[in-house]
Amino acid sequence: MSMLRQIYESFRFAWRALRSNLLRTILSLLGVTVGIFAIITVLTLVDSLEKNIKDSLNFLGTGVIYVEKWPFIADNDGEYKWWEFWQRPNASYNEFKFLQANLKNQVGITIYAGKGNMVVKRNNNSIGQVRLVGAAPGYNTIFELNVEKGRFFTPEELEAGRSVCIIGFEIAKVLFPNNQEPIGQVVKVKNMKYTVIGVIKREGQSFMGWSSNDFNTLIPYQSFRKLYQTGTGAWDETTSRIGVKGAESDVGLVELENEIRGLLRTRRGLQPTERDNFALNRPEAIANAISGLFDVVGVAGWIIGGFSILVGGFGIANIMFVSVKERTSIIGLQKSLGAKNYFVLFQFLFEAIFLSLIGGLGGLFLVYLVTLIPMGDLVVTLTIKNIVLGLTVSSVIGLVSGIVPAAVAARLDPVIAIRAT
């Protein structure tokens, strides 16, 4: 109990000393404030930017492997060998059926193709810049499609390639103004009539500007193949992609990826010495590449803010030495009355940590003000992780800056100290 009381008294002495020298306190903590502000601002912007970009990749699905001829990123040697990838065959509908029948580690599989810059019409209304997507069975499982009105395609509609469609929110708003009911109405794509059976819930524009389902029109894959070639000889814009969703128990989708590779190599008759003539793409690869770039930016933020914190640390240490000098006689009086060395040590150490923490809180407050500045589609959020990091760095700086002055004060001889003027 005596120990806790002495620690509490140390806090009181430290707080009283800081309040009695308010101007000196403010000047001392400016360096820490600027340093914490610089570091946490950079980390907050980096984390927010990374999160917004990764959220923009959600349209690719989660836990999904894509089978196509073009890889998302370059090889391990850093070279994107487009001249080799261009000669690869496209993913075909027969390969989709083969994988669907033989894959054991999948919980969903589909094949789809798309064509951009399309125009969808209804009577005198039309909307351009629409993406037409041909969807096969399993599409709503891979992409977690949220149909707000109506329904998804039935297996019979998908297999027969019926002239039905599901339209995005923005398309429905333009073609069916004044809250008209779109379900059961007819729209035209390339002068082909399609009956609307569903409307996708509004998603909004992604941070990266990539189009969402708001401007997509979905038709059965077999119906899409009547309009465009999707297999061998097709333009890259209309080539098919196979999406395979893995089980949650398959950590890293390792088993699923190995199974797809083995089956597809067998299907395409590749010899053991031959390289894959297909790409197994995962959205995580893009996210990891982005994270690597942001790590570099984060290090730059630490370097920039580190110099300010270093200056602030020296300022706190200097102020603490001055404070020890000013209170030498008081320290002697305290020790003559029975104060232990650790009591004096804690008194000055807590003062240094308080000083640094106040500077850190000031820096975090400035970061919070930055998050209130409108930045378009970029949502900036000060996370708990960065708040804790800022307070931890502040505490460590205060501890390091105050340990030497506090130790000097604790080791003062009470007789010599009490005679100091």
Protein backbone atom coordinates (compact mmCIF):
# COMPACT_ATOMS: atom_id res chain seq x y z
CA MET A 1 0.00 0.00 0.00
CA SER A 2 2.91 2.33 0.82
CA MET A 3 4.40 1.65 -2.63
CA LEU A 4 1.14 2.57 -4.42
CA ARG A 5 0.78 5.74 -2.36
CA GLN A 6 4.31 6.84 -3.21
CA ILE A 7 3.67 6.19 -6.91
CA TYR A 8 0.48 8.25 -6.68
CA GLU A 9 2.42 11.06 -5.01
CA SER A 10 4.97 10.86 -7.82
CA PHE A 11 2.17 11.46 -10.32
CA ARG A 12 0.96 14.45 -8.33
CA PHE A 13 4.42 16.03 -8.15
CA ALA A 14 4.93 15.51 -11.88
CA TRP A 15 1.55 16.99 -12.81
CA ARG A 16 2.10 20.00 -10.54
CA ALA A 17 5.50 20.66 -12.10
CA LEU A 18 4.07 20.55 -15.61
CA ARG A 19 1.27 22.97 -14.74
CA SER A 20 3.61 25.44 -13.04
CA ASN A 21 5.77 25.71 -16.18
CA LEU A 22 3.07 25.76 -18.83
CA LEU A 23 4.98 27.69 -21.53
CA ARG A 24 8.05 25.51 -21.16
CA THR A 25 5.83 22.42 -21.30
CA ILE A 26 4.17 23.53 -24.54
CA LEU A 27 7.48 24.32 -26.23
CA SER A 28 8.93 20.99 -25.14
CA LEU A 29 6.09 18.88 -26.48
CA LEU A 30 5.93 20.54 -29.92
CA GLY A 31 8.62 18.26 -31.31
CA VAL A 32 6.77 15.14 -30.14
CA THR A 33 3.47 16.54 -31.43
CA VAL A 34 4.87 17.18 -34.90
CA GLY A 35 6.62 13.80 -34.97
CA ILE A 36 3.56 11.78 -33.93
CA PHE A 37 1.42 13.82 -36.33
CA ALA A 38 3.77 13.07 -39.24
CA ILE A 39 4.05 9.35 -38.53
CA ILE A 40 0.41 8.63 -37.70
CA THR A 41 -0.86 10.80 -40.57
CA VAL A 42 1.21 8.86 -43.09
CA LEU A 43 0.21 5.51 -41.57
CA THR A 44 -3.46 6.54 -41.43
CA LEU A 45 -3.47 7.67 -45.06
CA VAL A 46 -1.62 4.53 -46.14
CA ASP A 47 -3.97 2.22 -44.22
CA SER A 48 -7.04 4.06 -45.51
CA LEU A 49 -5.79 4.04 -49.09
CA GLU A 50 -4.91 0.36 -48.88
CA LYS A 51 -8.31 -0.51 -47.40
CA ASN A 52 -10.17 1.51 -50.02
CA ILE A 53 -8.25 -0.16 -52.85
CA LYS A 54 -8.80 -3.63 -51.41
CA ASP A 55 -12.50 -2.88 -50.98
CA SER A 56 -12.55 -1.86 -54.63
CA LEU A 57 -11.33 -5.37 -55.48
CA ASN A 58 -14.37 -6.94 -53.83
CA PHE A 59 -16.06 -7.17 -57.23
CA LEU A 60 -13.60 -10.00 -57.97
CA GLY A 61 -15.00 -12.04 -55.09
CA THR A 62 -13.24 -13.44 -52.03
CA GLY A 63 -11.50 -16.80 -51.80
CA VAL A 64 -11.74 -17.22 -55.57
CA ILE A 65 -9.27 -18.53 -58.15
CA TYR A 66 -9.70 -17.39 -61.76
CA VAL A 67 -8.67 -19.57 -64.68
CA GLU A 68 -7.70 -17.50 -67.73
CA LYS A 69 -4.79 -16.93 -70.05
CA TRP A 70 -3.60 -13.53 -68.77
CA PRO A 71 -2.06 -13.40 -65.26
CA PHE A 72 -2.89 -10.49 -62.96
CA ILE A 73 0.74 -9.74 -62.12
CA ALA A 74 4.20 -10.42 -63.58
CA ASP A 75 6.20 -13.61 -63.02
CA ASN A 76 8.57 -14.05 -60.09
CA ASP A 77 11.37 -12.57 -62.21
CA GLY A 78 9.35 -9.35 -62.51
CA GLU A 79 8.82 -9.65 -66.28
CA TYR A 80 5.35 -9.73 -67.82
CA LYS A 81 5.80 -12.02 -70.83
CA TRP A 82 2.78 -10.86 -72.80
CA TRP A 83 4.06 -12.37 -76.03
CA GLU A 84 3.80 -15.84 -74.41
CA PHE A 85 0.49 -15.21 -72.67
CA TRP A 86 -1.09 -13.97 -75.90
CA GLN A 87 -0.60 -17.39 -77.52
CA ARG A 88 -2.35 -19.28 -74.75
CA PRO A 89 -5.80 -20.77 -75.41
CA ASN A 90 -8.82 -19.20 -73.77
CA ALA A 91 -10.77 -20.92 -71.02
CA SER A 92 -13.61 -22.83 -72.66
CA TYR A 93 -17.10 -23.92 -71.70
CA ASN A 94 -16.08 -27.59 -72.01
CA GLU A 95 -13.23 -26.99 -69.54
CA PHE A 96 -15.72 -25.38 -67.18
CA LYS A 97 -17.97 -28.46 -67.35
CA PHE A 98 -14.93 -30.72 -66.87
CA LEU A 99 -13.77 -28.84 -63.76
CA GLN A 100 -17.31 -28.65 -62.43
CA ALA A 101 -17.62 -32.43 -62.65
CA ASN A 102 -14.19 -33.31 -61.23
CA LEU A 103 -13.17 -30.67 -58.67
CA LYS A 104 -13.60 -31.86 -55.08
CA ASN A 105 -12.32 -28.85 -53.12
CA GLN A 106 -14.63 -26.23 -54.60
CA VAL A 107 -17.81 -24.77 -53.14
CA GLY A 108 -18.76 -22.84 -56.25
CA ILE A 109 -17.69 -22.62 -59.89
CA THR A 110 -18.82 -20.59 -62.88
CA ILE A 111 -17.75 -19.35 -66.28
CA TYR A 112 -18.50 -15.87 -67.51
CA ALA A 113 -17.61 -13.40 -70.25
CA GLY A 114 -18.21 -9.70 -70.73
CA LYS A 115 -18.32 -6.90 -73.28
CA GLY A 116 -18.03 -3.23 -72.38
CA ASN A 117 -19.33 -0.01 -73.95
CA MET A 118 -22.74 -1.50 -74.73
CA VAL A 119 -26.03 0.38 -75.13
CA VAL A 120 -29.24 -0.85 -73.50
CA LYS A 121 -32.54 0.57 -74.79
CA ARG A 122 -36.18 0.64 -73.77
CA ASN A 123 -38.66 2.58 -75.90
CA ASN A 124 -37.20 6.12 -76.14
CA ASN A 125 -34.82 5.69 -73.21
CA SER A 126 -31.29 4.37 -73.54
CA ILE A 127 -28.09 4.19 -71.51
CA GLY A 128 -24.54 3.70 -72.77
CA GLN A 129 -21.24 2.61 -71.20
CA VAL A 130 -22.94 -0.56 -70.00
CA ARG A 131 -21.07 -3.81 -69.47
CA LEU A 132 -22.87 -6.87 -70.80
CA VAL A 133 -22.02 -10.02 -68.84
CA GLY A 134 -22.79 -13.59 -69.80
CA ALA A 135 -23.25 -15.56 -66.57
CA ALA A 136 -23.26 -19.34 -66.17
CA PRO A 137 -24.56 -21.39 -63.21
CA GLY A 138 -22.76 -20.48 -59.99
CA TYR A 139 -22.16 -16.84 -60.94
CA ASN A 140 -24.19 -15.52 -58.00
CA THR A 141 -22.17 -17.76 -55.64
CA ILE A 142 -18.79 -16.55 -56.85
CA PHE A 143 -19.68 -12.84 -56.87
CA GLU A 144 -22.32 -12.85 -54.09
CA LEU A 145 -24.79 -11.02 -56.32
CA ASN A 146 -27.41 -9.04 -54.39
CA VAL A 147 -30.64 -9.03 -56.45
CA GLU A 148 -32.89 -6.45 -54.81
CA LYS A 149 -35.94 -6.93 -57.02
CA GLY A 150 -36.94 -10.06 -58.87
CA ARG A 151 -34.69 -13.12 -58.93
CA PHE A 152 -31.58 -14.75 -60.38
CA PHE A 153 -31.63 -16.98 -63.46
CA THR A 154 -33.13 -20.46 -63.12
CA PRO A 155 -31.03 -23.48 -64.21
CA GLU A 156 -33.37 -23.95 -67.19
CA GLU A 157 -32.88 -20.33 -68.32
CA LEU A 158 -29.11 -20.65 -68.04
CA GLU A 159 -28.90 -23.99 -69.84
CA ALA A 160 -31.20 -22.97 -72.69
CA GLY A 161 -29.81 -19.44 -73.02
CA ARG A 162 -33.19 -17.77 -72.65
CA SER A 163 -33.65 -14.10 -73.54
CA VAL A 164 -33.86 -12.83 -69.97
CA CYS A 165 -31.65 -10.33 -68.14
CA ILE A 166 -30.79 -8.84 -64.77
CA ILE A 167 -29.96 -5.14 -64.82
CA GLY A 168 -27.97 -2.87 -62.52
CA PHE A 169 -29.45 -0.13 -60.34
CA GLU A 170 -28.35 2.80 -62.53
CA ILE A 171 -29.63 1.10 -65.66
CA ALA A 172 -33.02 0.53 -64.05
CA LYS A 173 -33.15 4.17 -62.92
CA VAL A 174 -32.54 5.47 -66.46
CA LEU A 175 -34.70 3.01 -68.39
CA PHE A 176 -37.56 2.98 -65.87
CA PRO A 177 -37.87 6.55 -64.49
CA ASN A 178 -40.48 7.70 -62.00
CA ASN A 179 -40.32 4.42 -60.05
CA GLN A 180 -41.71 2.35 -62.91
CA GLU A 181 -41.69 -1.40 -62.29
CA PRO A 182 -38.91 -3.00 -64.40
CA ILE A 183 -39.70 -6.67 -63.68
CA GLY A 184 -41.33 -8.29 -66.69
CA GLN A 185 -40.52 -5.40 -69.04
CA VAL A 186 -38.49 -5.78 -72.23
CA VAL A 187 -35.16 -4.07 -73.00
CA LYS A 188 -32.99 -4.28 -76.10
CA VAL A 189 -29.29 -5.07 -76.45
CA LYS A 190 -27.93 -5.10 -80.01
CA ASN A 191 -31.57 -5.13 -81.16
CA MET A 192 -32.13 -8.38 -79.26
CA LYS A 193 -35.06 -8.37 -76.82
CA TYR A 194 -34.50 -9.43 -73.22
CA THR A 195 -37.09 -9.65 -70.46
CA VAL A 196 -36.01 -8.11 -67.16
CA ILE A 197 -36.28 -10.64 -64.30
CA GLY A 198 -34.19 -8.87 -61.67
CA VAL A 199 -32.57 -5.61 -60.53
CA ILE A 200 -29.27 -5.59 -58.64
CA LYS A 201 -29.06 -3.55 -55.43
CA ARG A 202 -27.16 -0.26 -55.70
CA GLU A 203 -23.44 -0.64 -54.97
CA GLY A 204 -22.04 2.78 -55.82
CA GLN A 205 -18.77 3.62 -57.54
CA SER A 206 -15.62 2.06 -56.16
CA PHE A 207 -12.67 4.14 -54.92
CA MET A 208 -10.56 3.12 -57.94
CA GLY A 209 -13.32 4.16 -60.31
CA TRP A 210 -13.96 0.62 -61.50
CA SER A 211 -17.50 0.03 -62.65
CA SER A 212 -19.77 -1.82 -60.26
CA ASN A 213 -22.85 -3.91 -60.93
CA ASP A 214 -24.80 -0.64 -61.11
CA PHE A 215 -23.89 -0.46 -64.81
CA ASN A 216 -23.93 -4.20 -65.57
CA THR A 217 -26.51 -6.14 -67.51
CA LEU A 218 -26.42 -9.90 -66.94
CA ILE A 219 -27.72 -12.42 -69.45
CA PRO A 220 -27.30 -16.23 -69.52
CA TYR A 221 -23.87 -17.33 -70.70
CA GLN A 222 -25.36 -19.37 -73.55
CA SER A 223 -27.28 -16.30 -74.68
CA PHE A 224 -24.08 -14.25 -74.62
CA ARG A 225 -22.40 -16.85 -76.85
CA LYS A 226 -25.07 -16.20 -79.48
CA LEU A 227 -23.86 -12.59 -79.66
CA TYR A 228 -20.09 -12.99 -79.26
CA GLN A 229 -17.42 -15.60 -79.66
CA THR A 230 -15.96 -16.56 -76.28
CA GLY A 231 -13.62 -19.48 -77.00
CA THR A 232 -10.72 -19.96 -79.41
CA GLY A 233 -10.27 -16.97 -81.70
CA ALA A 234 -12.27 -14.62 -79.51
CA TRP A 235 -11.08 -11.10 -78.80
CA ASP A 236 -9.61 -10.66 -75.34
CA GLU A 237 -12.51 -8.36 -74.49
CA THR A 238 -15.02 -11.22 -74.81
CA THR A 239 -12.92 -14.19 -73.69
CA SER A 240 -14.29 -16.43 -70.99
CA ARG A 241 -12.96 -16.74 -67.46
CA ILE A 242 -13.62 -19.57 -65.05
CA GLY A 243 -14.05 -18.62 -61.40
CA VAL A 244 -13.69 -21.26 -58.67
CA LYS A 245 -14.50 -20.54 -55.03
CA GLY A 246 -12.60 -22.48 -52.37
CA ALA A 247 -13.72 -23.82 -49.02
CA GLU A 248 -12.96 -21.81 -45.87
CA SER A 249 -11.00 -24.76 -44.50
CA ASP A 250 -8.58 -24.56 -47.44
CA VAL A 251 -6.20 -21.98 -45.97
CA GLY A 252 -4.55 -20.04 -48.79
CA LEU A 253 -6.55 -22.06 -51.35
CA VAL A 254 -3.50 -24.32 -51.74
CA GLU A 255 -5.41 -27.57 -52.21
CA LEU A 256 -7.86 -26.03 -54.68
CA GLU A 257 -5.10 -24.40 -56.74
CA ASN A 258 -3.12 -27.65 -56.96
CA GLU A 259 -6.25 -29.58 -57.93
CA ILE A 260 -7.19 -27.11 -60.67
CA ARG A 261 -3.64 -27.13 -62.04
CA GLY A 262 -3.49 -30.93 -62.15
CA LEU A 263 -6.90 -31.36 -63.80
CA LEU A 264 -6.39 -28.58 -66.34
CA ARG A 265 -2.93 -29.80 -67.33
CA THR A 266 -4.41 -33.25 -67.89
CA ARG A 267 -7.33 -31.81 -69.85
CA ARG A 268 -5.01 -29.83 -72.13
CA GLY A 269 -2.57 -32.72 -72.56
CA LEU A 270 0.49 -30.93 -71.18
CA GLN A 271 3.64 -32.99 -70.64
CA PRO A 272 5.38 -32.89 -67.21
CA THR A 273 8.21 -30.80 -68.68
CA GLU A 274 5.87 -28.26 -70.29
CA ARG A 275 4.91 -25.03 -68.53
CA ASP A 276 1.30 -24.14 -67.73
CA ASN A 277 -0.49 -22.51 -70.66
CA PHE A 278 -3.02 -20.91 -68.35
CA ALA A 279 -3.00 -18.53 -65.39
CA LEU A 280 -4.51 -19.17 -61.97
CA ASN A 281 -5.24 -15.67 -60.71
CA ARG A 282 -6.27 -14.61 -57.23
CA PRO A 283 -7.34 -11.10 -56.14
CA GLU A 284 -5.05 -11.49 -53.12
CA ALA A 285 -2.06 -11.25 -55.45
CA ILE A 286 -3.04 -7.70 -56.41
CA ALA A 287 -3.70 -6.83 -52.77
CA ASN A 288 -0.29 -8.18 -51.72
CA ALA A 289 1.46 -6.19 -54.45
CA ILE A 290 -0.34 -3.06 -53.27
CA SER A 291 0.62 -3.78 -49.64
CA GLY A 292 4.27 -4.02 -50.66
CA LEU A 293 4.16 -0.54 -52.19
CA PHE A 294 2.45 0.93 -49.15
CA ASP A 295 5.05 -0.60 -46.83
CA VAL A 296 7.66 1.58 -48.54
CA VAL A 297 5.51 4.68 -48.02
CA GLY A 298 5.05 3.71 -44.37
CA VAL A 299 8.81 3.47 -43.86
CA ALA A 300 9.20 6.93 -45.40
CA GLY A 301 6.65 8.24 -42.90
CA TRP A 302 8.60 6.75 -39.99
CA ILE A 303 11.82 8.35 -41.24
CA ILE A 304 10.24 11.79 -41.67
CA GLY A 305 8.44 11.70 -38.34
CA GLY A 306 11.42 10.10 -36.61
CA PHE A 307 13.54 13.22 -37.02
CA SER A 308 10.84 15.36 -35.39
CA ILE A 309 10.42 12.89 -32.54
CA LEU A 310 14.19 12.79 -32.08
CA VAL A 311 14.27 16.57 -31.74
CA GLY A 312 11.31 16.41 -29.36
CA GLY A 313 13.04 13.74 -27.28
CA PHE A 314 16.15 15.87 -26.90
CA GLY A 315 13.94 18.82 -25.94
CA ILE A 316 12.21 16.80 -23.23
CA ALA A 317 15.56 15.52 -21.89
CA ASN A 318 16.91 19.07 -21.77
CA ILE A 319 13.83 20.34 -19.94
CA MET A 320 14.07 17.47 -17.47
CA PHE A 321 17.71 18.30 -16.66
CA VAL A 322 16.65 21.93 -16.06
CA SER A 323 13.78 20.71 -13.87
CA VAL A 324 16.16 18.56 -11.81
CA LYS A 325 18.47 21.56 -11.36
CA GLU A 326 15.60 23.80 -10.28
CA ARG A 327 14.24 21.29 -7.76
CA THR A 328 17.52 20.01 -6.31
CA SER A 329 16.84 21.47 -2.85
CA ILE A 330 13.31 20.03 -2.85
CA ILE A 331 14.72 16.62 -3.77
CA GLY A 332 17.17 16.90 -0.86
CA LEU A 333 14.32 17.79 1.51
CA GLN A 334 12.21 14.87 0.28
CA LYS A 335 15.07 12.39 0.73
CA SER A 336 15.90 13.76 4.20
CA LEU A 337 12.28 13.08 5.19
CA GLY A 338 12.61 9.43 4.08
CA ALA A 339 11.73 9.48 0.38
CA LYS A 340 13.20 6.50 -1.42
CA ASN A 341 15.29 6.73 -4.57
CA TYR A 342 12.54 5.14 -6.67
CA PHE A 343 10.09 7.81 -5.45
CA VAL A 344 12.32 10.57 -6.85
CA LEU A 345 13.04 8.46 -9.96
CA PHE A 346 9.33 7.92 -10.67
CA GLN A 347 8.56 11.56 -10.01
CA PHE A 348 10.78 12.80 -12.85
CA LEU A 349 10.22 9.79 -15.08
CA PHE A 350 6.45 10.24 -14.95
CA GLU A 351 6.89 13.92 -15.66
CA ALA A 352 8.83 13.10 -18.84
CA ILE A 353 6.28 10.46 -19.91
CA PHE A 354 3.37 12.84 -19.20
CA LEU A 355 5.07 15.51 -21.26
CA SER A 356 5.58 13.14 -24.17
CA LEU A 357 2.06 11.68 -23.92
CA ILE A 358 0.49 15.14 -24.02
CA GLY A 359 2.52 15.84 -27.16
CA GLY A 360 1.39 12.52 -28.63
CA LEU A 361 -2.26 13.27 -27.85
CA GLY A 362 -1.85 16.65 -29.54
CA GLY A 363 -0.45 14.93 -32.63
CA LEU A 364 -3.31 12.39 -32.67
CA PHE A 365 -5.84 15.22 -32.39
CA LEU A 366 -4.30 16.88 -35.45
CA VAL A 367 -4.51 13.55 -37.31
CA TYR A 368 -8.18 13.32 -36.36
CA LEU A 369 -8.74 16.78 -37.85
CA VAL A 370 -7.11 15.55 -41.07
CA THR A 371 -9.64 12.69 -41.27
CA LEU A 372 -12.45 15.27 -41.29
CA ILE A 373 -11.14 16.86 -44.51
CA PRO A 374 -13.22 15.69 -47.53
CA MET A 375 -11.04 13.65 -49.92
CA GLY A 376 -13.54 12.58 -52.56
CA ASP A 377 -14.12 8.83 -52.64
CA LEU A 378 -11.20 8.20 -50.27
CA VAL A 379 -12.51 7.46 -46.77
CA VAL A 380 -9.80 8.25 -44.20
CA THR A 381 -10.18 6.58 -40.81
CA LEU A 382 -8.01 6.89 -37.72
CA THR A 383 -7.92 3.31 -36.46
CA ILE A 384 -7.51 2.10 -32.88
CA LYS A 385 -4.28 0.42 -33.98
CA ASN A 386 -2.73 3.73 -35.03
CA ILE A 387 -3.99 5.50 -31.89
CA VAL A 388 -2.37 2.85 -29.68
CA LEU A 389 0.79 3.03 -31.80
CA GLY A 390 0.97 6.82 -31.40
CA LEU A 391 0.51 6.64 -27.62
CA THR A 392 3.04 3.82 -27.33
CA VAL A 393 5.68 5.70 -29.32
CA SER A 394 5.03 8.81 -27.20
CA SER A 395 5.42 6.84 -23.98
CA VAL A 396 8.64 5.22 -25.15
CA ILE A 397 10.11 8.58 -26.19
CA GLY A 398 9.20 10.05 -22.80
CA LEU A 399 10.71 7.05 -21.01
CA VAL A 400 13.96 7.19 -22.98
CA SER A 401 14.23 10.99 -22.69
CA GLY A 402 13.53 11.07 -18.97
CA ILE A 403 15.43 8.05 -17.71
CA VAL A 404 18.84 9.76 -17.44
CA PRO A 405 17.62 13.00 -15.75
CA ALA A 406 15.43 10.93 -13.40
CA ALA A 407 18.35 8.67 -12.50
CA VAL A 408 20.55 11.72 -11.79
CA ALA A 409 17.85 13.15 -9.50
CA ALA A 410 17.39 9.84 -7.68
CA ARG A 411 21.12 9.50 -6.95
CA LEU A 412 21.56 13.00 -5.44
CA ASP A 413 23.05 13.10 -1.94
CA PRO A 414 20.36 14.57 0.34
CA VAL A 415 22.85 16.66 2.37
CA ILE A 416 24.42 18.23 -0.73
CA ALA A 417 21.07 18.61 -2.46
CA ILE A 418 19.36 20.36 0.46
CA ARG A 419 22.14 23.01 0.52
CA ALA A 420 21.66 23.81 -3.20
CA THR A 421 20.26 27.21 -4.04
